[in-house]
Each structure stands twice: as C-alpha cells, then as structure tokens.
PDB file of N, CA and C in Angstrom:
ATOM      1  N   UNK A   1       3.859  37.207  11.873  1.00  0.00           N
ATOM      2  CA  UNK A   1       2.485  37.437  11.450  1.00  0.00           C
ATOM      3  C   UNK A   1       1.565  36.491  12.204  1.00  0.00           C
ATOM      4  N   UNK A   2       0.408  36.979  12.546  1.00  0.00           N
ATOM      5  CA  UNK A   2      -0.558  36.208  13.316  1.00  0.00           C
ATOM      6  C   UNK A   2      -1.756  35.856  12.433  1.00  0.00           C
ATOM      7  N   UNK A   3      -2.113  34.590  12.425  1.00  0.00           N
ATOM      8  CA  UNK A   3      -3.258  34.128  11.654  1.00  0.00           C
ATOM      9  C   UNK A   3      -4.361  33.716  12.610  1.00  0.00           C
ATOM     10  N   UNK A   4      -5.542  34.305  12.439  1.00  0.00           N
ATOM     11  CA  UNK A   4      -6.702  33.964  13.262  1.00  0.00           C
ATOM     12  C   UNK A   4      -7.855  33.646  12.322  1.00  0.00           C
ATOM     13  N   UNK A   5      -8.473  32.484  12.522  1.00  0.00           N
ATOM     14  CA  UNK A   5      -9.583  32.054  11.675  1.00  0.00           C
ATOM     15  C   UNK A   5     -10.798  31.745  12.527  1.00  0.00           C
ATOM     16  N   UNK A   6     -11.961  32.134  12.039  1.00  0.00           N
ATOM     17  CA  UNK A   6     -13.222  31.747  12.669  1.00  0.00           C
ATOM     18  C   UNK A   6     -13.584  30.374  12.112  1.00  0.00           C
ATOM     19  N   UNK A   7     -13.884  29.431  12.993  1.00  0.00           N
ATOM     20  CA  UNK A   7     -14.220  28.074  12.575  1.00  0.00           C
ATOM     21  C   UNK A   7     -15.512  27.638  13.256  1.00  0.00           C
ATOM     22  N   UNK A   8     -16.295  26.854  12.552  1.00  0.00           N
ATOM     23  CA  UNK A   8     -17.512  26.299  13.115  1.00  0.00           C
ATOM     24  C   UNK A   8     -17.373  24.790  13.172  1.00  0.00           C
ATOM     25  N   UNK A   9     -17.753  24.222  14.307  1.00  0.00           N
ATOM     26  CA  UNK A   9     -17.710  22.774  14.430  1.00  0.00           C
ATOM     27  C   UNK A   9     -18.796  22.193  13.540  1.00  0.00           C
ATOM     28  N   UNK A  10     -18.491  21.048  12.917  1.00  0.00           N
ATOM     29  CA  UNK A  10     -19.476  20.433  12.023  1.00  0.00           C
ATOM     30  C   UNK A  10     -19.779  19.013  12.476  1.00  0.00           C
ATOM     31  N   UNK A  11     -21.022  18.632  12.308  1.00  0.00           N
ATOM     32  CA  UNK A  11     -21.443  17.278  12.669  1.00  0.00           C
ATOM     33  C   UNK A  11     -21.796  16.478  11.426  1.00  0.00           C
ATOM     34  N   UNK A  12     -22.081  17.176  10.323  1.00  0.00           N
ATOM     35  CA  UNK A  12     -22.412  16.522   9.061  1.00  0.00           C
ATOM     36  C   UNK A  12     -21.100  16.118   8.385  1.00  0.00           C
ATOM     37  N   UNK A  13     -20.778  14.837   8.421  1.00  0.00           N
ATOM     38  CA  UNK A  13     -19.496  14.359   7.915  1.00  0.00           C
ATOM     39  C   UNK A  13     -19.690  13.532   6.645  1.00  0.00           C
ATOM     40  N   UNK A  14     -18.599  13.271   5.939  1.00  0.00           N
ATOM     41  CA  UNK A  14     -18.640  12.424   4.754  1.00  0.00           C
ATOM     42  C   UNK A  14     -18.386  13.194   3.474  1.00  0.00           C
ATOM     43  N   UNK A  15     -18.294  12.442   2.386  1.00  0.00           N
ATOM     44  CA  UNK A  15     -17.961  13.024   1.086  1.00  0.00           C
ATOM     45  C   UNK A  15     -19.024  14.004   0.605  1.00  0.00           C
ATOM     46  N   UNK A  16     -20.291  13.629   0.725  1.00  0.00           N
ATOM     47  CA  UNK A  16     -21.374  14.498   0.266  1.00  0.00           C
ATOM     48  C   UNK A  16     -21.423  15.795   1.049  1.00  0.00           C
ATOM     49  N   UNK A  17     -21.252  15.705   2.357  1.00  0.00           N
ATOM     50  CA  UNK A  17     -21.268  16.897   3.208  1.00  0.00           C
ATOM     51  C   UNK A  17     -20.104  17.823   2.847  1.00  0.00           C
ATOM     52  N   UNK A  18     -18.932  17.248   2.606  1.00  0.00           N
ATOM     53  CA  UNK A  18     -17.761  18.050   2.244  1.00  0.00           C
ATOM     54  C   UNK A  18     -17.967  18.744   0.903  1.00  0.00           C
ATOM     55  N   UNK A  19     -18.585  18.066  -0.029  1.00  0.00           N
ATOM     56  CA  UNK A  19     -18.863  18.682  -1.336  1.00  0.00           C
ATOM     57  C   UNK A  19     -19.825  19.851  -1.194  1.00  0.00           C
ATOM     58  N   UNK A  20     -20.847  19.684  -0.345  1.00  0.00           N
ATOM     59  CA  UNK A  20     -21.795  20.788  -0.116  1.00  0.00           C
ATOM     60  C   UNK A  20     -21.086  21.985   0.510  1.00  0.00           C
ATOM     61  N   UNK A  21     -20.180  21.724   1.445  1.00  0.00           N
ATOM     62  CA  UNK A  21     -19.422  22.810   2.076  1.00  0.00           C
ATOM     63  C   UNK A  21     -18.581  23.555   1.047  1.00  0.00           C
ATOM     64  N   UNK A  22     -17.883  22.826   0.205  1.00  0.00           N
ATOM     65  CA  UNK A  22     -17.025  23.457  -0.811  1.00  0.00           C
ATOM     66  C   UNK A  22     -17.858  24.292  -1.781  1.00  0.00           C
ATOM     67  N   UNK A  23     -19.059  23.825  -2.110  1.00  0.00           N
ATOM     68  CA  UNK A  23     -19.948  24.578  -2.983  1.00  0.00           C
ATOM     69  C   UNK A  23     -20.357  25.907  -2.336  1.00  0.00           C
ATOM     70  N   UNK A  24     -20.442  25.914  -0.998  1.00  0.00           N
ATOM     71  CA  UNK A  24     -20.800  27.124  -0.247  1.00  0.00           C
ATOM     72  C   UNK A  24     -19.580  27.936   0.161  1.00  0.00           C
ATOM     73  N   UNK A  25     -18.444  27.705  -0.502  1.00  0.00           N
ATOM     74  CA  UNK A  25     -17.177  28.408  -0.240  1.00  0.00           C
ATOM     75  C   UNK A  25     -16.691  28.228   1.195  1.00  0.00           C
ATOM     76  N   UNK A  26     -16.744  26.979   1.666  1.00  0.00           N
ATOM     77  CA  UNK A  26     -16.201  26.607   2.969  1.00  0.00           C
ATOM     78  C   UNK A  26     -15.145  25.527   2.744  1.00  0.00           C
ATOM     79  N   UNK A  27     -14.194  25.442   3.675  1.00  0.00           N
ATOM     80  CA  UNK A  27     -13.150  24.417   3.600  1.00  0.00           C
ATOM     81  C   UNK A  27     -13.322  23.482   4.795  1.00  0.00           C
ATOM     82  N   UNK A  28     -13.556  22.187   4.557  1.00  0.00           N
ATOM     83  CA  UNK A  28     -13.613  21.253   5.679  1.00  0.00           C
ATOM     84  C   UNK A  28     -12.210  21.038   6.249  1.00  0.00           C
ATOM     85  N   UNK A  29     -12.151  20.860   7.564  1.00  0.00           N
ATOM     86  CA  UNK A  29     -10.862  20.659   8.222  1.00  0.00           C
ATOM     87  C   UNK A  29     -11.065  19.798   9.457  1.00  0.00           C
ATOM     88  N   UNK A  30      -9.959  19.291   9.997  1.00  0.00           N
ATOM     89  CA  UNK A  30     -10.008  18.519  11.236  1.00  0.00           C
ATOM     90  C   UNK A  30      -8.886  19.005  12.146  1.00  0.00           C
ATOM     91  N   UNK A  31      -9.191  19.055  13.449  1.00  0.00           N
ATOM     92  CA  UNK A  31      -8.216  19.445  14.462  1.00  0.00           C
ATOM     93  C   UNK A  31      -8.024  18.245  15.368  1.00  0.00           C
ATOM     94  N   UNK A  32      -6.779  17.782  15.521  1.00  0.00           N
ATOM     95  CA  UNK A  32      -6.521  16.619  16.365  1.00  0.00           C
ATOM     96  C   UNK A  32      -5.244  16.817  17.159  1.00  0.00           C
ATOM     97  N   UNK A  33      -4.952  15.870  18.030  1.00  0.00           N
ATOM     98  CA  UNK A  33      -3.743  15.921  18.847  1.00  0.00           C
ATOM     99  C   UNK A  33      -4.045  16.360  20.264  1.00  0.00           C
ATOM    100  N   UNK A  34      -3.054  16.230  21.115  1.00  0.00           N
ATOM    101  CA  UNK A  34      -3.239  16.596  22.510  1.00  0.00           C
ATOM    102  C   UNK A  34      -4.106  15.576  23.230  1.00  0.00           C
ATOM    103  N   UNK A  35      -4.741  15.996  24.304  1.00  0.00           N
ATOM    104  CA  UNK A  35      -5.546  15.078  25.105  1.00  0.00           C
ATOM    105  C   UNK A  35      -7.021  15.090  24.697  1.00  0.00           C
ATOM    106  N   UNK A  36      -7.430  16.065  23.887  1.00  0.00           N
ATOM    107  CA  UNK A  36      -8.827  16.163  23.471  1.00  0.00           C
ATOM    108  C   UNK A  36      -9.091  15.324  22.225  1.00  0.00           C
ATOM    109  N   UNK A  37     -10.358  15.020  22.007  1.00  0.00           N
ATOM    110  CA  UNK A  37     -10.762  14.244  20.831  1.00  0.00           C
ATOM    111  C   UNK A  37     -10.656  15.108  19.575  1.00  0.00           C
ATOM    112  N   UNK A  38     -10.574  14.449  18.443  1.00  0.00           N
ATOM    113  CA  UNK A  38     -10.527  15.159  17.160  1.00  0.00           C
ATOM    114  C   UNK A  38     -11.843  15.896  16.925  1.00  0.00           C
ATOM    115  N   UNK A  39     -11.734  17.067  16.296  1.00  0.00           N
ATOM    116  CA  UNK A  39     -12.901  17.903  16.029  1.00  0.00           C
ATOM    117  C   UNK A  39     -12.926  18.260  14.548  1.00  0.00           C
ATOM    118  N   UNK A  40     -14.068  18.040  13.904  1.00  0.00           N
ATOM    119  CA  UNK A  40     -14.239  18.443  12.507  1.00  0.00           C
ATOM    120  C   UNK A  40     -14.798  19.849  12.482  1.00  0.00           C
ATOM    121  N   UNK A  41     -14.186  20.713  11.652  1.00  0.00           N
ATOM    122  CA  UNK A  41     -14.589  22.115  11.584  1.00  0.00           C
ATOM    123  C   UNK A  41     -14.669  22.567  10.131  1.00  0.00           C
ATOM    124  N   UNK A  42     -15.228  23.762   9.939  1.00  0.00           N
ATOM    125  CA  UNK A  42     -15.234  24.394   8.625  1.00  0.00           C
ATOM    126  C   UNK A  42     -14.625  25.779   8.739  1.00  0.00           C
ATOM    127  N   UNK A  43     -13.926  26.189   7.690  1.00  0.00           N
ATOM    128  CA  UNK A  43     -13.306  27.507   7.619  1.00  0.00           C
ATOM    129  C   UNK A  43     -13.777  28.211   6.353  1.00  0.00           C
ATOM    130  N   UNK A  44     -13.675  29.524   6.337  1.00  0.00           N
ATOM    131  CA  UNK A  44     -14.033  30.309   5.165  1.00  0.00           C
ATOM    132  C   UNK A  44     -12.974  30.118   4.077  1.00  0.00           C
ATOM    133  N   UNK A  45     -13.405  29.721   2.888  1.00  0.00           N
ATOM    134  CA  UNK A  45     -12.478  29.438   1.793  1.00  0.00           C
ATOM    135  C   UNK A  45     -11.638  30.656   1.422  1.00  0.00           C
ATOM    136  N   UNK A  46     -12.269  31.812   1.316  1.00  0.00           N
ATOM    137  CA  UNK A  46     -11.546  33.000   0.858  1.00  0.00           C
ATOM    138  C   UNK A  46     -10.439  33.402   1.832  1.00  0.00           C
ATOM    139  N   UNK A  47     -10.697  33.331   3.132  1.00  0.00           N
ATOM    140  CA  UNK A  47      -9.675  33.679   4.122  1.00  0.00           C
ATOM    141  C   UNK A  47      -8.518  32.681   4.087  1.00  0.00           C
ATOM    142  N   UNK A  48      -8.832  31.405   3.932  1.00  0.00           N
ATOM    143  CA  UNK A  48      -7.782  30.386   3.837  1.00  0.00           C
ATOM    144  C   UNK A  48      -6.968  30.591   2.564  1.00  0.00           C
ATOM    145  N   UNK A  49      -7.640  30.887   1.472  1.00  0.00           N
ATOM    146  CA  UNK A  49      -6.962  31.071   0.193  1.00  0.00           C
ATOM    147  C   UNK A  49      -5.976  32.236   0.244  1.00  0.00           C
ATOM    148  N   UNK A  50      -6.355  33.337   0.884  1.00  0.00           N
ATOM    149  CA  UNK A  50      -5.460  34.487   1.010  1.00  0.00           C
ATOM    150  C   UNK A  50      -4.291  34.143   1.929  1.00  0.00           C
ATOM    151  N   UNK A  51      -4.577  33.486   3.059  1.00  0.00           N
ATOM    152  CA  UNK A  51      -3.530  33.166   4.038  1.00  0.00           C
ATOM    153  C   UNK A  51      -2.518  32.162   3.489  1.00  0.00           C
ATOM    154  N   UNK A  52      -2.980  31.179   2.725  1.00  0.00           N
ATOM    155  CA  UNK A  52      -2.077  30.131   2.248  1.00  0.00           C
ATOM    156  C   UNK A  52      -1.080  30.622   1.211  1.00  0.00           C
ATOM    157  N   UNK A  53      -1.227  31.840   0.751  1.00  0.00           N
ATOM    158  CA  UNK A  53      -0.270  32.405  -0.188  1.00  0.00           C
ATOM    159  C   UNK A  53       0.983  32.921   0.516  1.00  0.00           C
ATOM    160  N   UNK A  54       0.957  32.954   1.857  1.00  0.00           N
ATOM    161  CA  UNK A  54       2.109  33.402   2.630  1.00  0.00           C
ATOM    162  C   UNK A  54       2.808  32.195   3.247  1.00  0.00           C
ATOM    163  N   UNK A  55       4.117  32.185   3.206  1.00  0.00           N
ATOM    164  CA  UNK A  55       4.891  31.056   3.722  1.00  0.00           C
ATOM    165  C   UNK A  55       4.659  30.818   5.206  1.00  0.00           C
ATOM    166  N   UNK A  56       4.423  31.868   5.969  1.00  0.00           N
ATOM    167  CA  UNK A  56       4.248  31.744   7.414  1.00  0.00           C
ATOM    168  C   UNK A  56       3.022  30.898   7.766  1.00  0.00           C
ATOM    169  N   UNK A  57       2.048  30.810   6.896  1.00  0.00           N
ATOM    170  CA  UNK A  57       0.838  30.012   7.130  1.00  0.00           C
ATOM    171  C   UNK A  57       1.195  28.547   7.378  1.00  0.00           C
ATOM    172  N   UNK A  58       2.235  28.071   6.730  1.00  0.00           N
ATOM    173  CA  UNK A  58       2.614  26.664   6.813  1.00  0.00           C
ATOM    174  C   UNK A  58       3.497  26.342   8.016  1.00  0.00           C
ATOM    175  N   UNK A  59       4.088  27.349   8.673  1.00  0.00           N
ATOM    176  CA  UNK A  59       5.025  27.077   9.749  1.00  0.00           C
ATOM    177  C   UNK A  59       4.659  27.714  11.089  1.00  0.00           C
ATOM    178  N   UNK A  60       3.892  28.788  11.079  1.00  0.00           N
ATOM    179  CA  UNK A  60       3.545  29.485  12.323  1.00  0.00           C
ATOM    180  C   UNK A  60       2.424  28.776  13.074  1.00  0.00           C
ATOM    181  N   UNK A  61       2.283  29.134  14.346  1.00  0.00           N
ATOM    182  CA  UNK A  61       1.150  28.676  15.137  1.00  0.00           C
ATOM    183  C   UNK A  61      -0.048  29.539  14.768  1.00  0.00           C
ATOM    184  N   UNK A  62      -1.146  28.886  14.394  1.00  0.00           N
ATOM    185  CA  UNK A  62      -2.365  29.573  13.972  1.00  0.00           C
ATOM    186  C   UNK A  62      -3.379  29.523  15.107  1.00  0.00           C
ATOM    187  N   UNK A  63      -4.319  30.437  15.090  1.00  0.00           N
ATOM    188  CA  UNK A  63      -5.380  30.452  16.089  1.00  0.00           C
ATOM    189  C   UNK A  63      -6.709  30.190  15.408  1.00  0.00           C
ATOM    190  N   UNK A  64      -7.429  29.179  15.906  1.00  0.00           N
ATOM    191  CA  UNK A  64      -8.774  28.892  15.422  1.00  0.00           C
ATOM    192  C   UNK A  64      -9.756  29.234  16.528  1.00  0.00           C
ATOM    193  N   UNK A  65     -10.737  30.056  16.226  1.00  0.00           N
ATOM    194  CA  UNK A  65     -11.825  30.332  17.164  1.00  0.00           C
ATOM    195  C   UNK A  65     -12.960  29.380  16.807  1.00  0.00           C
ATOM    196  N   UNK A  66     -13.002  28.249  17.513  1.00  0.00           N
ATOM    197  CA  UNK A  66     -14.002  27.227  17.226  1.00  0.00           C
ATOM    198  C   UNK A  66     -15.207  27.467  18.122  1.00  0.00           C
ATOM    199  N   UNK A  67     -16.251  28.030  17.536  1.00  0.00           N
ATOM    200  CA  UNK A  67     -17.479  28.345  18.273  1.00  0.00           C
ATOM    201  C   UNK A  67     -17.182  29.092  19.570  1.00  0.00           C
ATOM    202  N   UNK A  68     -16.300  30.088  19.493  1.00  0.00           N
ATOM    203  CA  UNK A  68     -15.987  30.927  20.645  1.00  0.00           C
ATOM    204  C   UNK A  68     -14.818  30.465  21.492  1.00  0.00           C
ATOM    205  N   UNK A  69     -14.318  29.255  21.261  1.00  0.00           N
ATOM    206  CA  UNK A  69     -13.187  28.730  22.034  1.00  0.00           C
ATOM    207  C   UNK A  69     -11.914  28.876  21.206  1.00  0.00           C
ATOM    208  N   UNK A  70     -10.899  29.513  21.788  1.00  0.00           N
ATOM    209  CA  UNK A  70      -9.648  29.753  21.075  1.00  0.00           C
ATOM    210  C   UNK A  70      -8.739  28.528  21.189  1.00  0.00           C
ATOM    211  N   UNK A  71      -8.293  28.015  20.030  1.00  0.00           N
ATOM    212  CA  UNK A  71      -7.429  26.838  19.985  1.00  0.00           C
ATOM    213  C   UNK A  71      -6.191  27.176  19.162  1.00  0.00           C
ATOM    214  N   UNK A  72      -5.006  26.931  19.710  1.00  0.00           N
ATOM    215  CA  UNK A  72      -3.741  27.147  18.991  1.00  0.00           C
ATOM    216  C   UNK A  72      -3.402  25.859  18.241  1.00  0.00           C
ATOM    217  N   UNK A  73      -3.103  25.990  16.950  1.00  0.00           N
ATOM    218  CA  UNK A  73      -2.834  24.826  16.113  1.00  0.00           C
ATOM    219  C   UNK A  73      -1.679  25.111  15.147  1.00  0.00           C
ATOM    220  N   UNK A  74      -1.138  24.043  14.595  1.00  0.00           N
ATOM    221  CA  UNK A  74      -0.177  24.131  13.487  1.00  0.00           C
ATOM    222  C   UNK A  74      -0.741  23.318  12.337  1.00  0.00           C
ATOM    223  N   UNK A  75      -0.470  23.763  11.133  1.00  0.00           N
ATOM    224  CA  UNK A  75      -0.940  23.067   9.943  1.00  0.00           C
ATOM    225  C   UNK A  75      -0.169  21.764   9.776  1.00  0.00           C
ATOM    226  N   UNK A  76      -0.893  20.654   9.639  1.00  0.00           N
ATOM    227  CA  UNK A  76      -0.248  19.350   9.486  1.00  0.00           C
ATOM    228  C   UNK A  76      -0.281  18.871   8.035  1.00  0.00           C
ATOM    229  N   UNK A  77      -1.397  19.100   7.350  1.00  0.00           N
ATOM    230  CA  UNK A  77      -1.521  18.627   5.965  1.00  0.00           C
ATOM    231  C   UNK A  77      -2.500  19.491   5.193  1.00  0.00           C
ATOM    232  N   UNK A  78      -2.237  19.615   3.907  1.00  0.00           N
ATOM    233  CA  UNK A  78      -3.111  20.367   2.997  1.00  0.00           C
ATOM    234  C   UNK A  78      -3.443  19.459   1.824  1.00  0.00           C
ATOM    235  N   UNK A  79      -4.722  19.327   1.531  1.00  0.00           N
ATOM    236  CA  UNK A  79      -5.142  18.579   0.343  1.00  0.00           C
ATOM    237  C   UNK A  79      -5.661  19.594  -0.669  1.00  0.00           C
ATOM    238  N   UNK A  80      -5.181  19.468  -1.896  1.00  0.00           N
ATOM    239  CA  UNK A  80      -5.578  20.403  -2.958  1.00  0.00           C
ATOM    240  C   UNK A  80      -6.269  19.644  -4.089  1.00  0.00           C
ATOM    241  N   UNK A  81      -7.090  20.369  -4.805  1.00  0.00           N
ATOM    242  CA  UNK A  81      -7.733  19.823  -5.987  1.00  0.00           C
ATOM    243  C   UNK A  81      -6.634  19.554  -7.021  1.00  0.00           C
ATOM    244  N   UNK A  82      -6.655  18.405  -7.705  1.00  0.00           N
ATOM    245  CA  UNK A  82      -5.559  18.058  -8.615  1.00  0.00           C
ATOM    246  C   UNK A  82      -5.424  18.968  -9.830  1.00  0.00           C
ATOM    247  N   UNK A  83      -6.503  19.576 -10.284  1.00  0.00           N
ATOM    248  CA  UNK A  83      -6.439  20.412 -11.475  1.00  0.00           C
ATOM    249  C   UNK A  83      -6.464  21.888 -11.115  1.00  0.00           C
ATOM    250  N   UNK A  84      -7.387  22.282 -10.245  1.00  0.00           N
ATOM    251  CA  UNK A  84      -7.583  23.699  -9.919  1.00  0.00           C
ATOM    252  C   UNK A  84      -6.589  24.224  -8.886  1.00  0.00           C
ATOM    253  N   UNK A  85      -5.899  23.355  -8.218  1.00  0.00           N
ATOM    254  CA  UNK A  85      -4.929  23.674  -7.161  1.00  0.00           C
ATOM    255  C   UNK A  85      -5.530  24.480  -6.010  1.00  0.00           C
ATOM    256  N   UNK A  86      -6.851  24.397  -5.811  1.00  0.00           N
ATOM    257  CA  UNK A  86      -7.442  25.071  -4.657  1.00  0.00           C
ATOM    258  C   UNK A  86      -7.484  24.121  -3.467  1.00  0.00           C
ATOM    259  N   UNK A  87      -7.475  24.668  -2.274  1.00  0.00           N
ATOM    260  CA  UNK A  87      -7.471  23.879  -1.047  1.00  0.00           C
ATOM    261  C   UNK A  87      -8.832  23.203  -0.882  1.00  0.00           C
ATOM    262  N   UNK A  88      -8.822  21.875  -0.641  1.00  0.00           N
ATOM    263  CA  UNK A  88     -10.078  21.152  -0.448  1.00  0.00           C
ATOM    264  C   UNK A  88     -10.216  20.594   0.965  1.00  0.00           C
ATOM    265  N   UNK A  89      -9.102  20.460   1.719  1.00  0.00           N
ATOM    266  CA  UNK A  89      -9.179  19.960   3.100  1.00  0.00           C
ATOM    267  C   UNK A  89      -7.898  20.317   3.826  1.00  0.00           C
ATOM    268  N   UNK A  90      -8.031  20.607   5.124  1.00  0.00           N
ATOM    269  CA  UNK A  90      -6.884  20.946   5.960  1.00  0.00           C
ATOM    270  C   UNK A  90      -6.863  20.062   7.204  1.00  0.00           C
ATOM    271  N   UNK A  91      -5.670  19.694   7.649  1.00  0.00           N
ATOM    272  CA  UNK A  91      -5.476  18.980   8.910  1.00  0.00           C
ATOM    273  C   UNK A  91      -4.649  19.864   9.826  1.00  0.00           C
ATOM    274  N   UNK A  92      -5.115  20.046  11.058  1.00  0.00           N
ATOM    275  CA  UNK A  92      -4.401  20.839  12.050  1.00  0.00           C
ATOM    276  C   UNK A  92      -4.059  19.975  13.251  1.00  0.00           C
ATOM    277  N   UNK A  93      -2.901  20.232  13.868  1.00  0.00           N
ATOM    278  CA  UNK A  93      -2.487  19.574  15.100  1.00  0.00           C
ATOM    279  C   UNK A  93      -2.464  20.630  16.197  1.00  0.00           C
ATOM    280  N   UNK A  94      -3.050  20.298  17.342  1.00  0.00           N
ATOM    281  CA  UNK A  94      -3.041  21.251  18.450  1.00  0.00           C
ATOM    282  C   UNK A  94      -1.602  21.540  18.876  1.00  0.00           C
ATOM    283  N   UNK A  95      -1.322  22.804  19.106  1.00  0.00           N
ATOM    284  CA  UNK A  95       0.040  23.204  19.487  1.00  0.00           C
ATOM    285  C   UNK A  95       0.171  23.257  21.001  1.00  0.00           C
TER     286      UNK A  95
END
C-alpha cells in the first residue's frame, strides 16, 4: 500500500502554534535525517487518522508532498494525547 500526504512547511513554531494547528484539524510534524536540515510541517488530521489505523503506516516508506516537493520518509515516532488517544505530533526520517 502506498501512502501519500500533502504537507505544508510551517514557520510558526512552539506550543501555542501547535495548539492552534490541532484546533484547525492539523497535525504538526517534523522531517529530519539525511543531508538536509530538519523541516517542520503540518498534515491533515483526518488523513493521518485514517492511515494510522493500518499497520503498513508504521513500517512502509511514506511520501510527503511538502509544498510541491516529493520527499520519501519513514515514521520514526508518534505522540498521542494521553486520554483521547489521538495523534498530536509525528516524527519522520528521510528514507
């Protein structure tokens, strides 16, 4: 199965910015690794929520379209809300 997500690079960082994103049904994430610098991005919450219900999401190579640039990544870490069990942050490593 192939996972492709549209992602937007974000410059507004920090706890307050992340809370605003989550309120707007976005998931903050970071892409790091390789020779390029780390990039903070946002993903659509609903698409991530549907994808994370499949086991392949955690092990397959995923594709992020970051502002038109295609980046292959693997999921490195998932942070979930302690009570609601919804995804609050994702870490990706470039593949």
